[in-house]
PDB file of all heavy atoms in Angstrom:
ATOM      1  N   ILE A   1      67.631 103.550  48.280  1.00  0.00           N
ATOM      2  CA  ILE A   1      68.245 103.644  49.626  1.00  0.00           C
ATOM      3  C   ILE A   1      69.212 102.403  49.810  1.00  0.00           C
ATOM      4  O   ILE A   1      70.325 102.581  50.318  1.00  0.00           O
ATOM      5  CB  ILE A   1      67.203 103.580  50.722  1.00  0.00           C
ATOM      6  CG1 ILE A   1      66.372 104.883  50.641  1.00  0.00           C
ATOM      7  CG2 ILE A   1      67.839 103.530  52.100  1.00  0.00           C
ATOM      8  CD1 ILE A   1      65.163 104.899  51.567  1.00  0.00           C
ATOM      9  N   THR A   2      68.763 101.253  49.361  1.00  0.00           N
ATOM     10  CA  THR A   2      69.661 100.006  49.508  1.00  0.00           C
ATOM     11  C   THR A   2      70.961 100.253  48.733  1.00  0.00           C
ATOM     12  O   THR A   2      72.012  99.940  49.238  1.00  0.00           O
ATOM     13  CB  THR A   2      68.933  98.811  48.959  1.00  0.00           C
ATOM     14  OG1 THR A   2      67.718  98.570  49.770  1.00  0.00           O
ATOM     15  CG2 THR A   2      69.766  97.578  49.056  1.00  0.00           C
ATOM     16  N   GLY A   3      70.852 100.786  47.509  1.00  0.00           N
ATOM     17  CA  GLY A   3      72.049 101.025  46.732  1.00  0.00           C
ATOM     18  C   GLY A   3      72.998 102.014  47.404  1.00  0.00           C
ATOM     19  O   GLY A   3      74.258 101.748  47.499  1.00  0.00           O
ATOM     20  N   GLY A   4      72.410 103.117  47.933  1.00  0.00           N
ATOM     21  CA  GLY A   4      73.282 104.113  48.602  1.00  0.00           C
ATOM     22  C   GLY A   4      73.927 103.600  49.832  1.00  0.00           C
ATOM     23  O   GLY A   4      75.057 103.840  50.156  1.00  0.00           O
ATOM     24  N   VAL A   5      73.150 102.827  50.616  1.00  0.00           N
ATOM     25  CA  VAL A   5      73.657 102.291  51.887  1.00  0.00           C
ATOM     26  C   VAL A   5      74.743 101.186  51.568  1.00  0.00           C
ATOM     27  O   VAL A   5      75.826 101.195  52.244  1.00  0.00           O
ATOM     28  CB  VAL A   5      72.538 101.622  52.688  1.00  0.00           C
ATOM     29  CG1 VAL A   5      73.063 100.689  53.815  1.00  0.00           C
ATOM     30  CG2 VAL A   5      71.624 102.698  53.289  1.00  0.00           C
ATOM     31  N   ARG A   6      74.536 100.370  50.520  1.00  0.00           N
ATOM     32  CA  ARG A   6      75.615  99.430  50.176  1.00  0.00           C
ATOM     33  C   ARG A   6      76.855 100.128  49.618  1.00  0.00           C
ATOM     34  O   ARG A   6      77.971  99.607  49.852  1.00  0.00           O
ATOM     35  CB  ARG A   6      75.040  98.422  49.150  1.00  0.00           C
ATOM     36  CG  ARG A   6      74.022  97.466  49.763  1.00  0.00           C
ATOM     37  CD  ARG A   6      73.453  96.509  48.764  1.00  0.00           C
ATOM     38  NE  ARG A   6      72.530  95.560  49.399  1.00  0.00           N
ATOM     39  CZ  ARG A   6      71.804  94.701  48.740  1.00  0.00           C
ATOM     40  NH1 ARG A   6      71.827  94.681  47.377  1.00  0.00           N
ATOM     41  NH2 ARG A   6      71.001  93.879  49.400  1.00  0.00           N
ATOM     42  N   TYR A   7      76.686 101.238  48.983  1.00  0.00           N
ATOM     43  CA  TYR A   7      77.826 102.013  48.548  1.00  0.00           C
ATOM     44  C   TYR A   7      78.585 102.558  49.716  1.00  0.00           C
ATOM     45  O   TYR A   7      79.788 102.492  49.710  1.00  0.00           O
ATOM     46  CB  TYR A   7      77.321 103.139  47.591  1.00  0.00           C
ATOM     47  CG  TYR A   7      78.431 103.870  46.819  1.00  0.00           C
ATOM     48  CD1 TYR A   7      79.511 103.182  46.363  1.00  0.00           C
ATOM     49  CD2 TYR A   7      78.346 105.221  46.544  1.00  0.00           C
ATOM     50  CE1 TYR A   7      80.536 103.803  45.610  1.00  0.00           C
ATOM     51  CE2 TYR A   7      79.319 105.871  45.803  1.00  0.00           C
ATOM     52  CZ  TYR A   7      80.388 105.137  45.363  1.00  0.00           C
ATOM     53  OH  TYR A   7      81.355 105.806  44.640  1.00  0.00           O
ATOM     54  N   LEU A   8      77.885 103.061  50.721  1.00  0.00           N
ATOM     55  CA  LEU A   8      78.562 103.521  51.933  1.00  0.00           C
ATOM     56  C   LEU A   8      79.343 102.432  52.607  1.00  0.00           C
ATOM     57  O   LEU A   8      80.471 102.595  53.032  1.00  0.00           O
ATOM     58  CB  LEU A   8      77.584 104.123  52.921  1.00  0.00           C
ATOM     59  CG  LEU A   8      77.011 105.480  52.622  1.00  0.00           C
ATOM     60  CD1 LEU A   8      75.871 105.829  53.560  1.00  0.00           C
ATOM     61  CD2 LEU A   8      78.075 106.567  52.711  1.00  0.00           C
ATOM     62  N   LYS A   9      78.713 101.213  52.656  1.00  0.00           N
ATOM     63  CA  LYS A   9      79.395 100.038  53.223  1.00  0.00           C
ATOM     64  C   LYS A   9      80.660  99.652  52.448  1.00  0.00           C
ATOM     65  O   LYS A   9      81.694  99.397  53.048  1.00  0.00           O
ATOM     66  CB  LYS A   9      78.449  98.863  53.251  1.00  0.00           C
ATOM     67  CG  LYS A   9      78.939  97.643  53.962  1.00  0.00           C
ATOM     68  CD  LYS A   9      77.833  96.578  53.992  1.00  0.00           C
ATOM     69  CE  LYS A   9      78.333  95.350  54.811  1.00  0.00           C
ATOM     70  NZ  LYS A   9      77.220  94.332  54.960  1.00  0.00           N
ATOM     71  N   TYR A  10      80.573  99.714  51.120  1.00  0.00           N
ATOM     72  CA  TYR A  10      81.680  99.454  50.302  1.00  0.00           C
ATOM     73  C   TYR A  10      82.837 100.461  50.533  1.00  0.00           C
ATOM     74  O   TYR A  10      83.988 100.126  50.692  1.00  0.00           O
ATOM     75  CB  TYR A  10      81.320  99.456  48.828  1.00  0.00           C
ATOM     76  CG  TYR A  10      82.509  99.558  47.890  1.00  0.00           C
ATOM     77  CD1 TYR A  10      83.283  98.437  47.602  1.00  0.00           C
ATOM     78  CD2 TYR A  10      82.678 100.719  47.188  1.00  0.00           C
ATOM     79  CE1 TYR A  10      84.351  98.567  46.738  1.00  0.00           C
ATOM     80  CE2 TYR A  10      83.795 100.851  46.393  1.00  0.00           C
ATOM     81  CZ  TYR A  10      84.622  99.759  46.123  1.00  0.00           C
ATOM     82  OH  TYR A  10      85.645  99.867  45.260  1.00  0.00           O
ATOM     83  N   LEU A  11      82.458 101.738  50.604  1.00  0.00           N
ATOM     84  CA  LEU A  11      83.475 102.769  50.768  1.00  0.00           C
ATOM     85  C   LEU A  11      84.142 102.698  52.158  1.00  0.00           C
ATOM     86  O   LEU A  11      85.326 102.965  52.270  1.00  0.00           O
ATOM     87  CB  LEU A  11      82.844 104.139  50.520  1.00  0.00           C
ATOM     88  CG  LEU A  11      82.352 104.464  49.077  1.00  0.00           C
ATOM     89  CD1 LEU A  11      81.592 105.782  49.043  1.00  0.00           C
ATOM     90  CD2 LEU A  11      83.574 104.466  48.112  1.00  0.00           C
ATOM     91  N   ARG A  12      83.367 102.385  53.198  1.00  0.00           N
ATOM     92  CA  ARG A  12      83.936 102.234  54.488  1.00  0.00           C
ATOM     93  C   ARG A  12      84.996 101.145  54.522  1.00  0.00           C
ATOM     94  O   ARG A  12      86.014 101.246  55.135  1.00  0.00           O
ATOM     95  CB  ARG A  12      82.868 101.983  55.538  1.00  0.00           C
ATOM     96  CG  ARG A  12      81.955 103.145  55.822  1.00  0.00           C
ATOM     97  CD  ARG A  12      81.343 103.162  57.169  1.00  0.00           C
ATOM     98  NE  ARG A  12      82.341 103.461  58.204  1.00  0.00           N
ATOM     99  CZ  ARG A  12      82.049 103.808  59.449  1.00  0.00           C
ATOM    100  NH1 ARG A  12      80.784 103.946  59.818  1.00  0.00           N
ATOM    101  NH2 ARG A  12      82.983 104.125  60.340  1.00  0.00           N
ATOM    102  N   ALA A  13      84.686 100.039  53.810  1.00  0.00           N
ATOM    103  CA  ALA A  13      85.723  98.913  53.774  1.00  0.00           C
ATOM    104  C   ALA A  13      86.880  99.360  52.958  1.00  0.00           C
ATOM    105  O   ALA A  13      88.006  99.101  53.297  1.00  0.00           O
ATOM    106  CB  ALA A  13      84.987  97.707  53.185  1.00  0.00           C
ATOM    107  N   LEU A  14      86.636 100.066  51.879  1.00  0.00           N
ATOM    108  CA  LEU A  14      87.715 100.539  50.958  1.00  0.00           C
ATOM    109  C   LEU A  14      88.660 101.412  51.692  1.00  0.00           C
ATOM    110  O   LEU A  14      89.895 101.325  51.478  1.00  0.00           O
ATOM    111  CB  LEU A  14      87.115 101.237  49.725  1.00  0.00           C
ATOM    112  CG  LEU A  14      88.097 101.770  48.700  1.00  0.00           C
ATOM    113  CD1 LEU A  14      88.869 100.576  48.035  1.00  0.00           C
ATOM    114  CD2 LEU A  14      87.363 102.547  47.661  1.00  0.00           C
ATOM    115  N   TYR A  15      88.158 102.366  52.551  1.00  0.00           N
ATOM    116  CA  TYR A  15      88.991 103.354  53.156  1.00  0.00           C
ATOM    117  C   TYR A  15      89.227 103.094  54.604  1.00  0.00           C
ATOM    118  O   TYR A  15      89.608 104.021  55.421  1.00  0.00           O
ATOM    119  CB  TYR A  15      88.366 104.761  52.956  1.00  0.00           C
ATOM    120  CG  TYR A  15      88.272 105.134  51.473  1.00  0.00           C
ATOM    121  CD1 TYR A  15      87.050 105.335  50.905  1.00  0.00           C
ATOM    122  CD2 TYR A  15      89.435 105.334  50.787  1.00  0.00           C
ATOM    123  CE1 TYR A  15      86.991 105.669  49.563  1.00  0.00           C
ATOM    124  CE2 TYR A  15      89.380 105.695  49.408  1.00  0.00           C
ATOM    125  CZ  TYR A  15      88.125 105.887  48.836  1.00  0.00           C
ATOM    126  OH  TYR A  15      88.047 106.209  47.450  1.00  0.00           O
ATOM    127  N   GLY A  16      89.030 101.896  55.067  1.00  0.00           N
ATOM    128  CA  GLY A  16      89.315 101.443  56.396  1.00  0.00           C
ATOM    129  C   GLY A  16      88.566 102.227  57.446  1.00  0.00           C
ATOM    130  O   GLY A  16      89.052 102.436  58.532  1.00  0.00           O
ATOM    131  N   GLY A  17      87.341 102.665  57.136  1.00  0.00           N
ATOM    132  CA  GLY A  17      86.473 103.358  58.058  1.00  0.00           C
ATOM    133  C   GLY A  17      86.783 104.854  58.197  1.00  0.00           C
ATOM    134  O   GLY A  17      86.140 105.529  59.027  1.00  0.00           O
ATOM    135  N   ASP A  18      87.682 105.418  57.430  1.00  0.00           N
ATOM    136  CA  ASP A  18      87.972 106.825  57.429  1.00  0.00           C
ATOM    137  C   ASP A  18      86.753 107.613  56.875  1.00  0.00           C
ATOM    138  O   ASP A  18      86.614 107.670  55.646  1.00  0.00           O
ATOM    139  CB  ASP A  18      89.227 107.142  56.673  1.00  0.00           C
ATOM    140  CG  ASP A  18      89.694 108.588  56.746  1.00  0.00           C
ATOM    141  OD1 ASP A  18      88.860 109.508  56.826  1.00  0.00           O
ATOM    142  OD2 ASP A  18      90.883 108.844  56.763  1.00  0.00           O
ATOM    143  N   LEU A  19      86.022 108.282  57.722  1.00  0.00           N
ATOM    144  CA  LEU A  19      84.757 108.919  57.303  1.00  0.00           C
ATOM    145  C   LEU A  19      84.999 110.067  56.316  1.00  0.00           C
ATOM    146  O   LEU A  19      84.199 110.293  55.404  1.00  0.00           O
ATOM    147  CB  LEU A  19      83.961 109.410  58.483  1.00  0.00           C
ATOM    148  CG  LEU A  19      83.228 108.394  59.324  1.00  0.00           C
ATOM    149  CD1 LEU A  19      82.420 109.061  60.425  1.00  0.00           C
ATOM    150  CD2 LEU A  19      82.348 107.538  58.439  1.00  0.00           C
ATOM    151  N   HIS A  20      86.079 110.811  56.468  1.00  0.00           N
ATOM    152  CA  HIS A  20      86.378 111.917  55.577  1.00  0.00           C
ATOM    153  C   HIS A  20      86.534 111.313  54.156  1.00  0.00           C
ATOM    154  O   HIS A  20      86.026 111.933  53.153  1.00  0.00           O
ATOM    155  CB  HIS A  20      87.641 112.656  56.002  1.00  0.00           C
ATOM    156  CG  HIS A  20      87.380 113.509  57.207  1.00  0.00           C
ATOM    157  ND1 HIS A  20      87.563 113.067  58.470  1.00  0.00           N
ATOM    158  CD2 HIS A  20      86.972 114.834  57.331  1.00  0.00           C
ATOM    159  CE1 HIS A  20      87.284 114.021  59.349  1.00  0.00           C
ATOM    160  NE2 HIS A  20      86.928 115.117  58.678  1.00  0.00           N
ATOM    161  N   LEU A  21      87.297 110.295  54.021  1.00  0.00           N
ATOM    162  CA  LEU A  21      87.515 109.690  52.680  1.00  0.00           C
ATOM    163  C   LEU A  21      86.225 109.039  52.159  1.00  0.00           C
ATOM    164  O   LEU A  21      85.969 109.098  50.950  1.00  0.00           O
ATOM    165  CB  LEU A  21      88.664 108.688  52.741  1.00  0.00           C
ATOM    166  CG  LEU A  21      90.027 109.216  53.080  1.00  0.00           C
ATOM    167  CD1 LEU A  21      91.098 108.162  52.990  1.00  0.00           C
ATOM    168  CD2 LEU A  21      90.439 110.372  52.134  1.00  0.00           C
ATOM    169  N   VAL A  22      85.484 108.361  53.083  1.00  0.00           N
ATOM    170  CA  VAL A  22      84.208 107.772  52.626  1.00  0.00           C
ATOM    171  C   VAL A  22      83.294 108.862  52.065  1.00  0.00           C
ATOM    172  O   VAL A  22      82.721 108.648  50.947  1.00  0.00           O
ATOM    173  CB  VAL A  22      83.562 107.082  53.805  1.00  0.00           C
ATOM    174  CG1 VAL A  22      82.124 106.684  53.493  1.00  0.00           C
ATOM    175  CG2 VAL A  22      84.348 105.860  54.284  1.00  0.00           C
ATOM    176  N   LEU A  23      83.135 109.924  52.760  1.00  0.00           N
ATOM    177  CA  LEU A  23      82.237 111.002  52.265  1.00  0.00           C
ATOM    178  C   LEU A  23      82.781 111.707  51.037  1.00  0.00           C
ATOM    179  O   LEU A  23      82.005 112.065  50.202  1.00  0.00           O
ATOM    180  CB  LEU A  23      81.962 111.958  53.463  1.00  0.00           C
ATOM    181  CG  LEU A  23      81.289 111.325  54.614  1.00  0.00           C
ATOM    182  CD1 LEU A  23      81.128 112.351  55.788  1.00  0.00           C
ATOM    183  CD2 LEU A  23      79.834 110.800  54.251  1.00  0.00           C
ATOM    184  N   ALA A  24      84.056 111.869  51.000  1.00  0.00           N
ATOM    185  CA  ALA A  24      84.652 112.474  49.839  1.00  0.00           C
ATOM    186  C   ALA A  24      84.385 111.652  48.570  1.00  0.00           C
ATOM    187  O   ALA A  24      84.012 112.174  47.527  1.00  0.00           O
ATOM    188  CB  ALA A  24      86.145 112.665  50.020  1.00  0.00           C
ATOM    189  N   ALA A  25      84.594 110.348  48.754  1.00  0.00           N
ATOM    190  CA  ALA A  25      84.297 109.423  47.577  1.00  0.00           C
ATOM    191  C   ALA A  25      82.848 109.353  47.264  1.00  0.00           C
ATOM    192  O   ALA A  25      82.448 109.338  46.108  1.00  0.00           O
ATOM    193  CB  ALA A  25      84.844 108.013  47.952  1.00  0.00           C
ATOM    194  N   TYR A  26      81.968 109.424  48.233  1.00  0.00           N
ATOM    195  CA  TYR A  26      80.485 109.416  47.947  1.00  0.00           C
ATOM    196  C   TYR A  26      80.158 110.612  47.128  1.00  0.00           C
ATOM    197  O   TYR A  26      79.294 110.597  46.225  1.00  0.00           O
ATOM    198  CB  TYR A  26      79.760 109.326  49.235  1.00  0.00           C
ATOM    199  CG  TYR A  26      78.284 108.923  49.035  1.00  0.00           C
ATOM    200  CD1 TYR A  26      77.876 107.591  49.226  1.00  0.00           C
ATOM    201  CD2 TYR A  26      77.314 109.834  48.646  1.00  0.00           C
ATOM    202  CE1 TYR A  26      76.553 107.208  49.037  1.00  0.00           C
ATOM    203  CE2 TYR A  26      76.032 109.465  48.448  1.00  0.00           C
ATOM    204  CZ  TYR A  26      75.641 108.130  48.640  1.00  0.00           C
ATOM    205  OH  TYR A  26      74.336 107.725  48.433  1.00  0.00           O
ATOM    206  N   ASN A  27      80.730 111.783  47.458  1.00  0.00           N
ATOM    207  CA  ASN A  27      80.416 113.012  46.821  1.00  0.00           C
ATOM    208  C   ASN A  27      81.108 113.199  45.507  1.00  0.00           C
ATOM    209  O   ASN A  27      80.485 113.580  44.486  1.00  0.00           O
ATOM    210  CB  ASN A  27      80.729 114.193  47.757  1.00  0.00           C
ATOM    211  CG  ASN A  27      80.465 115.556  47.084  1.00  0.00           C
ATOM    212  OD1 ASN A  27      81.395 116.200  46.627  1.00  0.00           O
ATOM    213  ND2 ASN A  27      79.229 115.977  47.022  1.00  0.00           N
ATOM    214  N   ALA A  28      82.466 113.046  45.484  1.00  0.00           N
ATOM    215  CA  ALA A  28      83.295 113.319  44.275  1.00  0.00           C
ATOM    216  C   ALA A  28      83.717 112.129  43.495  1.00  0.00           C
ATOM    217  O   ALA A  28      84.217 112.273  42.400  1.00  0.00           O
ATOM    218  CB  ALA A  28      84.521 114.118  44.753  1.00  0.00           C
ATOM    219  N   GLY A  29      83.561 110.963  44.075  1.00  0.00           N
ATOM    220  CA  GLY A  29      83.935 109.709  43.394  1.00  0.00           C
ATOM    221  C   GLY A  29      85.320 109.215  43.887  1.00  0.00           C
ATOM    222  O   GLY A  29      86.165 109.988  44.208  1.00  0.00           O
ATOM    223  N   PRO A  30      85.460 107.891  43.949  1.00  0.00           N
ATOM    224  CA  PRO A  30      86.770 107.320  44.341  1.00  0.00           C
ATOM    225  C   PRO A  30      87.926 107.730  43.492  1.00  0.00           C
ATOM    226  O   PRO A  30      89.057 107.810  43.955  1.00  0.00           O
ATOM    227  CB  PRO A  30      86.457 105.813  44.264  1.00  0.00           C
ATOM    228  CG  PRO A  30      85.012 105.669  44.402  1.00  0.00           C
ATOM    229  CD  PRO A  30      84.433 106.864  43.771  1.00  0.00           C
ATOM    230  N   GLY A  31      87.652 108.058  42.202  1.00  0.00           N
ATOM    231  CA  GLY A  31      88.694 108.462  41.342  1.00  0.00           C
ATOM    232  C   GLY A  31      89.312 109.722  41.784  1.00  0.00           C
ATOM    233  O   GLY A  31      90.534 109.955  41.690  1.00  0.00           O
ATOM    234  N   ALA A  32      88.504 110.635  42.264  1.00  0.00           N
ATOM    235  CA  ALA A  32      89.020 111.957  42.740  1.00  0.00           C
ATOM    236  C   ALA A  32      89.850 111.766  44.012  1.00  0.00           C
ATOM    237  O   ALA A  32      90.882 112.442  44.214  1.00  0.00           O
ATOM    238  CB  ALA A  32      87.852 112.918  42.974  1.00  0.00           C
ATOM    239  N   VAL A  33      89.450 110.860  44.899  1.00  0.00           N
ATOM    240  CA  VAL A  33      90.135 110.610  46.124  1.00  0.00           C
ATOM    241  C   VAL A  33      91.473 109.987  45.772  1.00  0.00           C
ATOM    242  O   VAL A  33      92.561 110.311  46.354  1.00  0.00           O
ATOM    243  CB  VAL A  33      89.376 109.658  47.007  1.00  0.00           C
ATOM    244  CG1 VAL A  33      90.206 109.281  48.238  1.00  0.00           C
ATOM    245  CG2 VAL A  33      88.032 110.391  47.527  1.00  0.00           C
ATOM    246  N   ALA A  34      91.466 109.082  44.777  1.00  0.00           N
ATOM    247  CA  ALA A  34      92.792 108.458  44.400  1.00  0.00           C
ATOM    248  C   ALA A  34      93.697 109.472  43.713  1.00  0.00           C
ATOM    249  O   ALA A  34      94.929 109.522  43.980  1.00  0.00           O
ATOM    250  CB  ALA A  34      92.500 107.304  43.406  1.00  0.00           C
ATOM    251  N   LYS A  35      93.141 110.380  42.906  1.00  0.00           N
ATOM    252  CA  LYS A  35      93.956 111.375  42.202  1.00  0.00           C
ATOM    253  C   LYS A  35      94.657 112.305  43.197  1.00  0.00           C
ATOM    254  O   LYS A  35      95.828 112.613  42.986  1.00  0.00           O
ATOM    255  CB  LYS A  35      93.013 112.208  41.293  1.00  0.00           C
ATOM    256  CG  LYS A  35      93.722 113.348  40.544  1.00  0.00           C
ATOM    257  CD  LYS A  35      92.753 114.072  39.696  1.00  0.00           C
ATOM    258  CE  LYS A  35      93.457 115.271  38.980  1.00  0.00           C
ATOM    259  NZ  LYS A  35      92.454 115.986  38.103  1.00  0.00           N
ATOM    260  N   TYR A  36      93.962 112.711  44.246  1.00  0.00           N
ATOM    261  CA  TYR A  36      94.554 113.649  45.206  1.00  0.00           C
ATOM    262  C   TYR A  36      95.128 112.969  46.426  1.00  0.00           C
ATOM    263  O   TYR A  36      95.565 113.640  47.362  1.00  0.00           O
ATOM    264  CB  TYR A  36      93.470 114.715  45.613  1.00  0.00           C
ATOM    265  CG  TYR A  36      93.173 115.655  44.447  1.00  0.00           C
ATOM    266  CD1 TYR A  36      91.954 115.472  43.681  1.00  0.00           C
ATOM    267  CD2 TYR A  36      93.997 116.696  44.162  1.00  0.00           C
ATOM    268  CE1 TYR A  36      91.732 116.311  42.631  1.00  0.00           C
ATOM    269  CE2 TYR A  36      93.698 117.560  43.141  1.00  0.00           C
ATOM    270  CZ  TYR A  36      92.588 117.373  42.316  1.00  0.00           C
ATOM    271  OH  TYR A  36      92.256 118.220  41.276  1.00  0.00           O
TER     272      TYR A  36
END
């Protein structure tokens, strides 16, 4: 749980709080978000 929560925190900072991008990256990976 700690790892997953910290990953969400990192992704929120990475994408400026955009939940759609945060969740897309959590599911498909930041590489896929960058690619598209």
